[in-house]
Amino acid sequence: RDVKKISTDYFDSVCGIYRVTTSFIVTVIALIRVNPVICFI
């Protein structure tokens, strides 16, 4: 049970945070170029 929770709650979370962080950085750069106001909101 505990190893399964590490897989679903810890591993997936760490990988997920890295994935969404890179996605956020790339998206913000692109969105600033399109419309900075909407990006800020």
PDB file of all heavy atoms in Angstrom:
ATOM      1  N   ARG A   1       0.812  -1.213   0.000  1.00  0.00           N
ATOM      2  CA  ARG A   1       0.000   0.000   0.000  1.00  0.00           C
ATOM      3  C   ARG A   1       0.846   1.262   0.000  1.00  0.00           C
ATOM      4  O   ARG A   1       0.608   2.187  -0.790  1.00  0.00           O
ATOM      5  CB  ARG A   1      -0.928   0.016   1.225  1.00  0.00           C
ATOM      6  CG  ARG A   1      -1.783   1.272   1.295  1.00  0.00           C
ATOM      7  CD  ARG A   1      -2.519   1.379   2.626  1.00  0.00           C
ATOM      8  NE  ARG A   1      -3.331   2.577   2.660  1.00  0.00           N
ATOM      9  CZ  ARG A   1      -2.877   3.796   3.005  1.00  0.00           C
ATOM     10  NH1 ARG A   1      -1.607   3.951   3.317  1.00  0.00           N
ATOM     11  NH2 ARG A   1      -3.685   4.828   3.007  1.00  0.00           N
ATOM     12  N   ASP A   2       1.848   1.318   0.878  1.00  0.00           N
ATOM     13  CA  ASP A   2       2.632   2.544   0.995  1.00  0.00           C
ATOM     14  C   ASP A   2       3.470   2.815  -0.250  1.00  0.00           C
ATOM     15  O   ASP A   2       3.615   3.965  -0.668  1.00  0.00           O
ATOM     16  CB  ASP A   2       3.519   2.480   2.240  1.00  0.00           C
ATOM     17  CG  ASP A   2       2.708   2.564   3.531  1.00  0.00           C
ATOM     18  OD1 ASP A   2       1.532   2.934   3.447  1.00  0.00           O
ATOM     19  OD2 ASP A   2       3.248   2.245   4.608  1.00  0.00           O
ATOM     20  N   VAL A   3       4.042   1.764  -0.831  1.00  0.00           N
ATOM     21  CA  VAL A   3       4.811   1.944  -2.064  1.00  0.00           C
ATOM     22  C   VAL A   3       3.895   2.411  -3.200  1.00  0.00           C
ATOM     23  O   VAL A   3       4.284   3.260  -4.015  1.00  0.00           O
ATOM     24  CB  VAL A   3       5.541   0.640  -2.455  1.00  0.00           C
ATOM     25  CG1 VAL A   3       6.078   0.722  -3.877  1.00  0.00           C
ATOM     26  CG2 VAL A   3       6.683   0.362  -1.479  1.00  0.00           C
ATOM     27  N   LYS A   4       2.675   1.888  -3.227  1.00  0.00           N
ATOM     28  CA  LYS A   4       1.717   2.322  -4.250  1.00  0.00           C
ATOM     29  C   LYS A   4       1.387   3.801  -4.080  1.00  0.00           C
ATOM     30  O   LYS A   4       1.281   4.552  -5.060  1.00  0.00           O
ATOM     31  CB  LYS A   4       0.439   1.488  -4.157  1.00  0.00           C
ATOM     32  CG  LYS A   4      -0.576   1.814  -5.255  1.00  0.00           C
ATOM     33  CD  LYS A   4      -1.798   0.927  -5.155  1.00  0.00           C
ATOM     34  CE  LYS A   4      -2.810   1.280  -6.252  1.00  0.00           C
ATOM     35  NZ  LYS A   4      -4.017   0.422  -6.164  1.00  0.00           N
ATOM     36  N   LYS A   5       1.233   4.239  -2.833  1.00  0.00           N
ATOM     37  CA  LYS A   5       0.945   5.660  -2.583  1.00  0.00           C
ATOM     38  C   LYS A   5       2.133   6.535  -2.981  1.00  0.00           C
ATOM     39  O   LYS A   5       1.942   7.649  -3.472  1.00  0.00           O
ATOM     40  CB  LYS A   5       0.600   5.887  -1.108  1.00  0.00           C
ATOM     41  CG  LYS A   5      -0.806   5.435  -0.742  1.00  0.00           C
ATOM     42  CD  LYS A   5      -1.234   5.971   0.608  1.00  0.00           C
ATOM     43  CE  LYS A   5      -1.512   7.462   0.572  1.00  0.00           C
ATOM     44  NZ  LYS A   5      -2.645   7.823  -0.281  1.00  0.00           N
ATOM     45  N   ILE A   6       3.338   6.045  -2.780  1.00  0.00           N
ATOM     46  CA  ILE A   6       4.518   6.789  -3.224  1.00  0.00           C
ATOM     47  C   ILE A   6       4.482   6.944  -4.738  1.00  0.00           C
ATOM     48  O   ILE A   6       4.798   8.008  -5.282  1.00  0.00           O
ATOM     49  CB  ILE A   6       5.811   6.061  -2.793  1.00  0.00           C
ATOM     50  CG1 ILE A   6       5.990   6.139  -1.273  1.00  0.00           C
ATOM     51  CG2 ILE A   6       7.025   6.648  -3.495  1.00  0.00           C
ATOM     52  CD1 ILE A   6       6.230   7.537  -0.741  1.00  0.00           C
ATOM     53  N   SER A   7       4.069   5.874  -5.422  1.00  0.00           N
ATOM     54  CA  SER A   7       4.011   5.922  -6.889  1.00  0.00           C
ATOM     55  C   SER A   7       2.974   6.930  -7.377  1.00  0.00           C
ATOM     56  O   SER A   7       3.246   7.740  -8.266  1.00  0.00           O
ATOM     57  CB  SER A   7       3.685   4.528  -7.437  1.00  0.00           C
ATOM     58  OG  SER A   7       3.505   4.567  -8.841  1.00  0.00           O
ATOM     59  N   THR A   8       1.775   6.886  -6.783  1.00  0.00           N
ATOM     60  CA  THR A   8       0.687   7.737  -7.276  1.00  0.00           C
ATOM     61  C   THR A   8       0.741   9.153  -6.710  1.00  0.00           C
ATOM     62  O   THR A   8       0.435  10.124  -7.421  1.00  0.00           O
ATOM     63  CB  THR A   8      -0.671   7.115  -6.921  1.00  0.00           C
ATOM     64  OG1 THR A   8      -0.747   6.914  -5.501  1.00  0.00           O
ATOM     65  CG2 THR A   8      -0.861   5.787  -7.632  1.00  0.00           C
ATOM     66  N   ASP A   9       1.136   9.293  -5.451  1.00  0.00           N
ATOM     67  CA  ASP A   9       1.067  10.607  -4.805  1.00  0.00           C
ATOM     68  C   ASP A   9       2.406  11.352  -4.797  1.00  0.00           C
ATOM     69  O   ASP A   9       2.422  12.579  -4.843  1.00  0.00           O
ATOM     70  CB  ASP A   9       0.578  10.465  -3.362  1.00  0.00           C
ATOM     71  CG  ASP A   9      -0.865  10.018  -3.290  1.00  0.00           C
ATOM     72  OD1 ASP A   9      -1.507   9.934  -4.346  1.00  0.00           O
ATOM     73  OD2 ASP A   9      -1.353   9.748  -2.187  1.00  0.00           O
ATOM     74  N   TYR A  10       3.503  10.617  -4.729  1.00  0.00           N
ATOM     75  CA  TYR A  10       4.802  11.297  -4.674  1.00  0.00           C
ATOM     76  C   TYR A  10       5.436  11.385  -6.061  1.00  0.00           C
ATOM     77  O   TYR A  10       5.738  12.480  -6.546  1.00  0.00           O
ATOM     78  CB  TYR A  10       5.739  10.564  -3.715  1.00  0.00           C
ATOM     79  CG  TYR A  10       7.074  11.260  -3.536  1.00  0.00           C
ATOM     80  CD1 TYR A  10       7.223  12.271  -2.605  1.00  0.00           C
ATOM     81  CD2 TYR A  10       8.177  10.911  -4.320  1.00  0.00           C
ATOM     82  CE1 TYR A  10       8.439  12.930  -2.437  1.00  0.00           C
ATOM     83  CE2 TYR A  10       9.388  11.556  -4.172  1.00  0.00           C
ATOM     84  CZ  TYR A  10       9.516  12.559  -3.230  1.00  0.00           C
ATOM     85  OH  TYR A  10      10.714  13.209  -3.089  1.00  0.00           O
ATOM     86  N   PHE A  11       5.640  10.237  -6.700  1.00  0.00           N
ATOM     87  CA  PHE A  11       6.295  10.222  -8.011  1.00  0.00           C
ATOM     88  C   PHE A  11       5.511  11.059  -9.016  1.00  0.00           C
ATOM     89  O   PHE A  11       6.082  11.922  -9.703  1.00  0.00           O
ATOM     90  CB  PHE A  11       6.430   8.782  -8.512  1.00  0.00           C
ATOM     91  CG  PHE A  11       7.024   8.666  -9.887  1.00  0.00           C
ATOM     92  CD1 PHE A  11       8.397   8.605 -10.055  1.00  0.00           C
ATOM     93  CD2 PHE A  11       6.223   8.640 -11.022  1.00  0.00           C
ATOM     94  CE1 PHE A  11       8.963   8.510 -11.329  1.00  0.00           C
ATOM     95  CE2 PHE A  11       6.766   8.543 -12.289  1.00  0.00           C
ATOM     96  CZ  PHE A  11       8.139   8.477 -12.443  1.00  0.00           C
ATOM     97  N   ASP A  12       4.201  10.801  -9.109  1.00  0.00           N
ATOM     98  CA  ASP A  12       3.385  11.547 -10.078  1.00  0.00           C
ATOM     99  C   ASP A  12       3.377  13.038  -9.772  1.00  0.00           C
ATOM    100  O   ASP A  12       3.343  13.868 -10.687  1.00  0.00           O
ATOM    101  CB  ASP A  12       1.954  11.007 -10.092  1.00  0.00           C
ATOM    102  CG  ASP A  12       1.836   9.688 -10.836  1.00  0.00           C
ATOM    103  OD1 ASP A  12       2.776   9.346 -11.572  1.00  0.00           O
ATOM    104  OD2 ASP A  12       0.805   9.003 -10.679  1.00  0.00           O
ATOM    105  N   SER A  13       3.401  13.396  -8.493  1.00  0.00           N
ATOM    106  CA  SER A  13       3.373  14.807  -8.115  1.00  0.00           C
ATOM    107  C   SER A  13       4.672  15.516  -8.478  1.00  0.00           C
ATOM    108  O   SER A  13       4.666  16.631  -9.009  1.00  0.00           O
ATOM    109  CB  SER A  13       3.088  14.953  -6.621  1.00  0.00           C
ATOM    110  OG  SER A  13       1.801  14.479  -6.307  1.00  0.00           O
ATOM    111  N   VAL A  14       5.801  14.873  -8.194  1.00  0.00           N
ATOM    112  CA  VAL A  14       7.100  15.481  -8.524  1.00  0.00           C
ATOM    113  C   VAL A  14       7.237  15.641 -10.037  1.00  0.00           C
ATOM    114  O   VAL A  14       7.631  16.710 -10.534  1.00  0.00           O
ATOM    115  CB  VAL A  14       8.259  14.634  -7.961  1.00  0.00           C
ATOM    116  CG1 VAL A  14       9.608  15.149  -8.465  1.00  0.00           C
ATOM    117  CG2 VAL A  14       8.238  14.658  -6.440  1.00  0.00           C
ATOM    118  N   CYS A  15       6.892  14.571 -10.769  1.00  0.00           N
ATOM    119  CA  CYS A  15       6.949  14.651 -12.236  1.00  0.00           C
ATOM    120  C   CYS A  15       5.959  15.698 -12.752  1.00  0.00           C
ATOM    121  O   CYS A  15       6.261  16.448 -13.685  1.00  0.00           O
ATOM    122  CB  CYS A  15       6.628  13.289 -12.858  1.00  0.00           C
ATOM    123  SG  CYS A  15       7.931  12.057 -12.636  1.00  0.00           S
ATOM    124  N   GLY A  16       4.776  15.737 -12.138  1.00  0.00           N
ATOM    125  CA  GLY A  16       3.747  16.685 -12.564  1.00  0.00           C
ATOM    126  C   GLY A  16       4.170  18.125 -12.337  1.00  0.00           C
ATOM    127  O   GLY A  16       3.942  18.996 -13.194  1.00  0.00           O
ATOM    128  N   ILE A  17       4.791  18.391 -11.196  1.00  0.00           N
ATOM    129  CA  ILE A  17       5.249  19.761 -10.904  1.00  0.00           C
ATOM    130  C   ILE A  17       6.306  20.196 -11.923  1.00  0.00           C
ATOM    131  O   ILE A  17       6.290  21.332 -12.416  1.00  0.00           O
ATOM    132  CB  ILE A  17       5.800  19.848  -9.476  1.00  0.00           C
ATOM    133  CG1 ILE A  17       4.636  19.763  -8.474  1.00  0.00           C
ATOM    134  CG2 ILE A  17       6.575  21.145  -9.256  1.00  0.00           C
ATOM    135  CD1 ILE A  17       5.070  19.647  -7.037  1.00  0.00           C
ATOM    136  N   TYR A  18       7.217  19.282 -12.263  1.00  0.00           N
ATOM    137  CA  TYR A  18       8.229  19.620 -13.273  1.00  0.00           C
ATOM    138  C   TYR A  18       7.575  19.874 -14.629  1.00  0.00           C
ATOM    139  O   TYR A  18       7.906  20.844 -15.322  1.00  0.00           O
ATOM    140  CB  TYR A  18       9.253  18.494 -13.383  1.00  0.00           C
ATOM    141  CG  TYR A  18      10.238  18.707 -14.522  1.00  0.00           C
ATOM    142  CD1 TYR A  18      11.224  19.688 -14.424  1.00  0.00           C
ATOM    143  CD2 TYR A  18      10.156  17.946 -15.690  1.00  0.00           C
ATOM    144  CE1 TYR A  18      12.121  19.902 -15.464  1.00  0.00           C
ATOM    145  CE2 TYR A  18      11.048  18.154 -16.731  1.00  0.00           C
ATOM    146  CZ  TYR A  18      12.023  19.133 -16.615  1.00  0.00           C
ATOM    147  OH  TYR A  18      12.894  19.353 -17.657  1.00  0.00           O
ATOM    148  N   ARG A  19       6.619  19.016 -14.993  1.00  0.00           N
ATOM    149  CA  ARG A  19       5.953  19.160 -16.297  1.00  0.00           C
ATOM    150  C   ARG A  19       5.205  20.482 -16.406  1.00  0.00           C
ATOM    151  O   ARG A  19       5.339  21.211 -17.393  1.00  0.00           O
ATOM    152  CB  ARG A  19       4.990  17.989 -16.527  1.00  0.00           C
ATOM    153  CG  ARG A  19       4.099  18.134 -17.753  1.00  0.00           C
ATOM    154  CD  ARG A  19       3.221  16.918 -17.929  1.00  0.00           C
ATOM    155  NE  ARG A  19       2.405  16.639 -16.761  1.00  0.00           N
ATOM    156  CZ  ARG A  19       1.284  17.283 -16.469  1.00  0.00           C
ATOM    157  NH1 ARG A  19       0.843  18.276 -17.237  1.00  0.00           N
ATOM    158  NH2 ARG A  19       0.582  16.956 -15.385  1.00  0.00           N
ATOM    159  N   VAL A  20       4.399  20.799 -15.374  1.00  0.00           N
ATOM    160  CA  VAL A  20       3.588  22.018 -15.464  1.00  0.00           C
ATOM    161  C   VAL A  20       4.459  23.268 -15.315  1.00  0.00           C
ATOM    162  O   VAL A  20       4.110  24.334 -15.843  1.00  0.00           O
ATOM    163  CB  VAL A  20       2.455  22.017 -14.417  1.00  0.00           C
ATOM    164  CG1 VAL A  20       1.518  20.847 -14.658  1.00  0.00           C
ATOM    165  CG2 VAL A  20       2.994  22.002 -12.999  1.00  0.00           C
ATOM    166  N   THR A  21       5.588  23.150 -14.618  1.00  0.00           N
ATOM    167  CA  THR A  21       6.495  24.303 -14.503  1.00  0.00           C
ATOM    168  C   THR A  21       7.084  24.658 -15.862  1.00  0.00           C
ATOM    169  O   THR A  21       7.119  25.834 -16.256  1.00  0.00           O
ATOM    170  CB  THR A  21       7.626  24.004 -13.495  1.00  0.00           C
ATOM    171  OG1 THR A  21       7.052  23.738 -12.218  1.00  0.00           O
ATOM    172  CG2 THR A  21       8.578  25.187 -13.383  1.00  0.00           C
ATOM    173  N   THR A  22       7.560  23.646 -16.585  1.00  0.00           N
ATOM    174  CA  THR A  22       8.109  23.903 -17.922  1.00  0.00           C
ATOM    175  C   THR A  22       7.015  24.413 -18.863  1.00  0.00           C
ATOM    176  O   THR A  22       7.251  25.313 -19.673  1.00  0.00           O
ATOM    177  CB  THR A  22       8.745  22.635 -18.510  1.00  0.00           C
ATOM    178  OG1 THR A  22       7.783  21.562 -18.512  1.00  0.00           O
ATOM    179  CG2 THR A  22       9.948  22.192 -17.689  1.00  0.00           C
ATOM    180  N   SER A  23       5.808  23.830 -18.722  1.00  0.00           N
ATOM    181  CA  SER A  23       4.684  24.275 -19.551  1.00  0.00           C
ATOM    182  C   SER A  23       4.341  25.728 -19.247  1.00  0.00           C
ATOM    183  O   SER A  23       4.079  26.535 -20.159  1.00  0.00           O
ATOM    184  CB  SER A  23       3.471  23.380 -19.303  1.00  0.00           C
ATOM    185  OG  SER A  23       2.335  23.853 -20.009  1.00  0.00           O
ATOM    186  N   PHE A  24       4.354  26.102 -17.977  1.00  0.00           N
ATOM    187  CA  PHE A  24       4.031  27.467 -17.575  1.00  0.00           C
ATOM    188  C   PHE A  24       5.043  28.469 -18.152  1.00  0.00           C
ATOM    189  O   PHE A  24       4.667  29.514 -18.693  1.00  0.00           O
ATOM    190  CB  PHE A  24       4.012  27.555 -16.049  1.00  0.00           C
ATOM    191  CG  PHE A  24       3.842  28.945 -15.517  1.00  0.00           C
ATOM    192  CD1 PHE A  24       2.602  29.563 -15.539  1.00  0.00           C
ATOM    193  CD2 PHE A  24       4.928  29.640 -15.001  1.00  0.00           C
ATOM    194  CE1 PHE A  24       2.435  30.850 -15.047  1.00  0.00           C
ATOM    195  CE2 PHE A  24       4.781  30.926 -14.506  1.00  0.00           C
ATOM    196  CZ  PHE A  24       3.529  31.537 -14.533  1.00  0.00           C
ATOM    197  N   ILE A  25       6.329  28.141 -18.016  1.00  0.00           N
ATOM    198  CA  ILE A  25       7.378  29.056 -18.500  1.00  0.00           C
ATOM    199  C   ILE A  25       7.254  29.291 -20.002  1.00  0.00           C
ATOM    200  O   ILE A  25       7.276  30.436 -20.486  1.00  0.00           O
ATOM    201  CB  ILE A  25       8.774  28.505 -18.145  1.00  0.00           C
ATOM    202  CG1 ILE A  25       8.971  28.509 -16.619  1.00  0.00           C
ATOM    203  CG2 ILE A  25       9.872  29.321 -18.825  1.00  0.00           C
ATOM    204  CD1 ILE A  25      10.214  27.775 -16.160  1.00  0.00           C
ATOM    205  N   VAL A  26       7.112  28.199 -20.756  1.00  0.00           N
ATOM    206  CA  VAL A  26       7.007  28.315 -22.216  1.00  0.00           C
ATOM    207  C   VAL A  26       5.735  29.078 -22.611  1.00  0.00           C
ATOM    208  O   VAL A  26       5.756  29.941 -23.492  1.00  0.00           O
ATOM    209  CB  VAL A  26       7.027  26.915 -22.866  1.00  0.00           C
ATOM    210  CG1 VAL A  26       6.746  27.004 -24.364  1.00  0.00           C
ATOM    211  CG2 VAL A  26       8.367  26.225 -22.622  1.00  0.00           C
ATOM    212  N   THR A  27       4.634  28.783 -21.919  1.00  0.00           N
ATOM    213  CA  THR A  27       3.360  29.426 -22.256  1.00  0.00           C
ATOM    214  C   THR A  27       3.372  30.918 -21.932  1.00  0.00           C
ATOM    215  O   THR A  27       2.862  31.735 -22.706  1.00  0.00           O
ATOM    216  CB  THR A  27       2.205  28.742 -21.491  1.00  0.00           C
ATOM    217  OG1 THR A  27       2.199  27.351 -21.796  1.00  0.00           O
ATOM    218  CG2 THR A  27       0.867  29.337 -21.897  1.00  0.00           C
ATOM    219  N   VAL A  28       3.938  31.288 -20.783  1.00  0.00           N
ATOM    220  CA  VAL A  28       4.010  32.706 -20.406  1.00  0.00           C
ATOM    221  C   VAL A  28       4.809  33.503 -21.445  1.00  0.00           C
ATOM    222  O   VAL A  28       4.413  34.608 -21.850  1.00  0.00           O
ATOM    223  CB  VAL A  28       4.629  32.857 -19.003  1.00  0.00           C
ATOM    224  CG1 VAL A  28       5.046  34.310 -18.757  1.00  0.00           C
ATOM    225  CG2 VAL A  28       3.651  32.415 -17.943  1.00  0.00           C
ATOM    226  N   ILE A  29       5.932  32.941 -21.873  1.00  0.00           N
ATOM    227  CA  ILE A  29       6.747  33.624 -22.894  1.00  0.00           C
ATOM    228  C   ILE A  29       5.929  33.857 -24.158  1.00  0.00           C
ATOM    229  O   ILE A  29       5.948  34.951 -24.747  1.00  0.00           O
ATOM    230  CB  ILE A  29       8.011  32.799 -23.207  1.00  0.00           C
ATOM    231  CG1 ILE A  29       8.933  32.764 -21.977  1.00  0.00           C
ATOM    232  CG2 ILE A  29       8.751  33.375 -24.416  1.00  0.00           C
ATOM    233  CD1 ILE A  29      10.102  31.806 -22.110  1.00  0.00           C
ATOM    234  N   ALA A  30       5.191  32.817 -24.572  1.00  0.00           N
ATOM    235  CA  ALA A  30       4.382  32.943 -25.792  1.00  0.00           C
ATOM    236  C   ALA A  30       3.220  33.905 -25.591  1.00  0.00           C
ATOM    237  O   ALA A  30       2.906  34.717 -26.477  1.00  0.00           O
ATOM    238  CB  ALA A  30       3.860  31.562 -26.197  1.00  0.00           C
ATOM    239  N   LEU A  31       2.569  33.857 -24.429  1.00  0.00           N
ATOM    240  CA  LEU A  31       1.377  34.676 -24.183  1.00  0.00           C
ATOM    241  C   LEU A  31       1.727  36.153 -24.028  1.00  0.00           C
ATOM    242  O   LEU A  31       0.944  37.028 -24.426  1.00  0.00           O
ATOM    243  CB  LEU A  31       0.651  34.165 -22.939  1.00  0.00           C
ATOM    244  CG  LEU A  31      -0.796  34.639 -22.726  1.00  0.00           C
ATOM    245  CD1 LEU A  31      -1.648  34.367 -23.957  1.00  0.00           C
ATOM    246  CD2 LEU A  31      -1.393  33.948 -21.507  1.00  0.00           C
ATOM    247  N   ILE A  32       2.892  36.428 -23.474  1.00  0.00           N
ATOM    248  CA  ILE A  32       3.330  37.826 -23.357  1.00  0.00           C
ATOM    249  C   ILE A  32       3.464  38.459 -24.746  1.00  0.00           C
ATOM    250  O   ILE A  32       3.108  39.620 -24.960  1.00  0.00           O
ATOM    251  CB  ILE A  32       4.659  37.914 -22.581  1.00  0.00           C
ATOM    252  CG1 ILE A  32       4.416  37.649 -21.089  1.00  0.00           C
ATOM    253  CG2 ILE A  32       5.323  39.274 -22.765  1.00  0.00           C
ATOM    254  CD1 ILE A  32       5.677  37.552 -20.266  1.00  0.00           C
ATOM    255  N   ARG A  33       3.951  37.659 -25.679  1.00  0.00           N
ATOM    256  CA  ARG A  33       4.112  38.163 -27.045  1.00  0.00           C
ATOM    257  C   ARG A  33       2.761  38.400 -27.722  1.00  0.00           C
ATOM    258  O   ARG A  33       2.629  39.288 -28.571  1.00  0.00           O
ATOM    259  CB  ARG A  33       4.947  37.181 -27.875  1.00  0.00           C
ATOM    260  CG  ARG A  33       6.388  37.038 -27.396  1.00  0.00           C
ATOM    261  CD  ARG A  33       7.126  35.975 -28.183  1.00  0.00           C
ATOM    262  NE  ARG A  33       7.195  36.292 -29.607  1.00  0.00           N
ATOM    263  CZ  ARG A  33       8.136  37.047 -30.171  1.00  0.00           C
ATOM    264  NH1 ARG A  33       9.093  37.580 -29.416  1.00  0.00           N
ATOM    265  NH2 ARG A  33       8.134  37.270 -31.463  1.00  0.00           N
ATOM    266  N   VAL A  34       1.740  37.583 -27.319  1.00  0.00           N
ATOM    267  CA  VAL A  34       0.415  37.727 -27.943  1.00  0.00           C
ATOM    268  C   VAL A  34      -0.381  38.839 -27.281  1.00  0.00           C
ATOM    269  O   VAL A  34      -0.918  39.744 -27.946  1.00  0.00           O
ATOM    270  CB  VAL A  34      -0.362  36.394 -27.874  1.00  0.00           C
ATOM    271  CG1 VAL A  34      -1.777  36.562 -28.450  1.00  0.00           C
ATOM    272  CG2 VAL A  34       0.387  35.310 -28.639  1.00  0.00           C
ATOM    273  N   ASN A  35      -0.494  38.788 -25.931  1.00  0.00           N
ATOM    274  CA  ASN A  35      -1.267  39.800 -25.210  1.00  0.00           C
ATOM    275  C   ASN A  35      -0.828  39.835 -23.748  1.00  0.00           C
ATOM    276  O   ASN A  35      -1.277  39.033 -22.930  1.00  0.00           O
ATOM    277  CB  ASN A  35      -2.767  39.490 -25.301  1.00  0.00           C
ATOM    278  CG  ASN A  35      -3.626  40.666 -24.880  1.00  0.00           C
ATOM    279  OD1 ASN A  35      -3.515  41.144 -23.758  1.00  0.00           O
ATOM    280  ND2 ASN A  35      -4.494  41.139 -25.780  1.00  0.00           N
ATOM    281  N   PRO A  36       0.019  40.788 -23.354  1.00  0.00           N
ATOM    282  CA  PRO A  36       0.548  40.853 -21.990  1.00  0.00           C
ATOM    283  C   PRO A  36      -0.536  41.058 -20.928  1.00  0.00           C
ATOM    284  O   PRO A  36      -0.403  40.552 -19.814  1.00  0.00           O
ATOM    285  CB  PRO A  36       1.484  42.069 -22.037  1.00  0.00           C
ATOM    286  CG  PRO A  36       1.823  42.246 -23.476  1.00  0.00           C
ATOM    287  CD  PRO A  36       0.606  41.813 -24.234  1.00  0.00           C
ATOM    288  N   VAL A  37      -1.591  41.775 -21.244  1.00  0.00           N
ATOM    289  CA  VAL A  37      -2.647  42.044 -20.269  1.00  0.00           C
ATOM    290  C   VAL A  37      -3.346  40.753 -19.855  1.00  0.00           C
ATOM    291  O   VAL A  37      -3.534  40.471 -18.668  1.00  0.00           O
ATOM    292  CB  VAL A  37      -3.667  43.056 -20.837  1.00  0.00           C
ATOM    293  CG1 VAL A  37      -4.824  43.242 -19.854  1.00  0.00           C
ATOM    294  CG2 VAL A  37      -2.994  44.382 -21.127  1.00  0.00           C
ATOM    295  N   ILE A  38      -3.762  39.974 -20.843  1.00  0.00           N
ATOM    296  CA  ILE A  38      -4.431  38.701 -20.555  1.00  0.00           C
ATOM    297  C   ILE A  38      -3.474  37.754 -19.819  1.00  0.00           C
ATOM    298  O   ILE A  38      -3.885  37.013 -18.919  1.00  0.00           O
ATOM    299  CB  ILE A  38      -4.954  38.062 -21.856  1.00  0.00           C
ATOM    300  CG1 ILE A  38      -6.121  38.899 -22.409  1.00  0.00           C
ATOM    301  CG2 ILE A  38      -5.399  36.621 -21.623  1.00  0.00           C
ATOM    302  CD1 ILE A  38      -6.667  38.411 -23.717  1.00  0.00           C
ATOM    303  N   CYS A  39      -2.219  37.792 -20.177  1.00  0.00           N
ATOM    304  CA  CYS A  39      -1.211  36.967 -19.491  1.00  0.00           C
ATOM    305  C   CYS A  39      -1.154  37.340 -18.016  1.00  0.00           C
ATOM    306  O   CYS A  39      -1.178  36.466 -17.147  1.00  0.00           O
ATOM    307  CB  CYS A  39       0.151  37.149 -20.143  1.00  0.00           C
ATOM    308  SG  CYS A  39       1.468  36.192 -19.355  1.00  0.00           S
ATOM    309  N   PHE A  40      -1.094  38.637 -17.713  1.00  0.00           N
ATOM    310  CA  PHE A  40      -1.010  39.108 -16.333  1.00  0.00           C
ATOM    311  C   PHE A  40      -2.244  38.698 -15.522  1.00  0.00           C
ATOM    312  O   PHE A  40      -2.129  38.252 -14.378  1.00  0.00           O
ATOM    313  CB  PHE A  40      -0.854  40.636 -16.317  1.00  0.00           C
ATOM    314  CG  PHE A  40      -0.859  41.220 -14.940  1.00  0.00           C
ATOM    315  CD1 PHE A  40       0.238  41.113 -14.104  1.00  0.00           C
ATOM    316  CD2 PHE A  40      -1.997  41.872 -14.453  1.00  0.00           C
ATOM    317  CE1 PHE A  40       0.231  41.640 -12.822  1.00  0.00           C
ATOM    318  CE2 PHE A  40      -2.017  42.396 -13.170  1.00  0.00           C
ATOM    319  CZ  PHE A  40      -0.893  42.279 -12.356  1.00  0.00           C
ATOM    320  N   ILE A  41      -3.440  38.860 -16.114  1.00  0.00           N
ATOM    321  CA  ILE A  41      -4.689  38.514 -15.418  1.00  0.00           C
ATOM    322  C   ILE A  41      -4.697  37.035 -15.020  1.00  0.00           C
ATOM    323  O   ILE A  41      -5.037  36.670 -13.888  1.00  0.00           O
ATOM    324  CB  ILE A  41      -5.912  38.841 -16.310  1.00  0.00           C
ATOM    325  CG1 ILE A  41      -6.065  40.362 -16.453  1.00  0.00           C
ATOM    326  CG2 ILE A  41      -7.190  38.237 -15.720  1.00  0.00           C
ATOM    327  CD1 ILE A  41      -7.114  40.766 -17.466  1.00  0.00           C
TER     328      ILE A  41
END
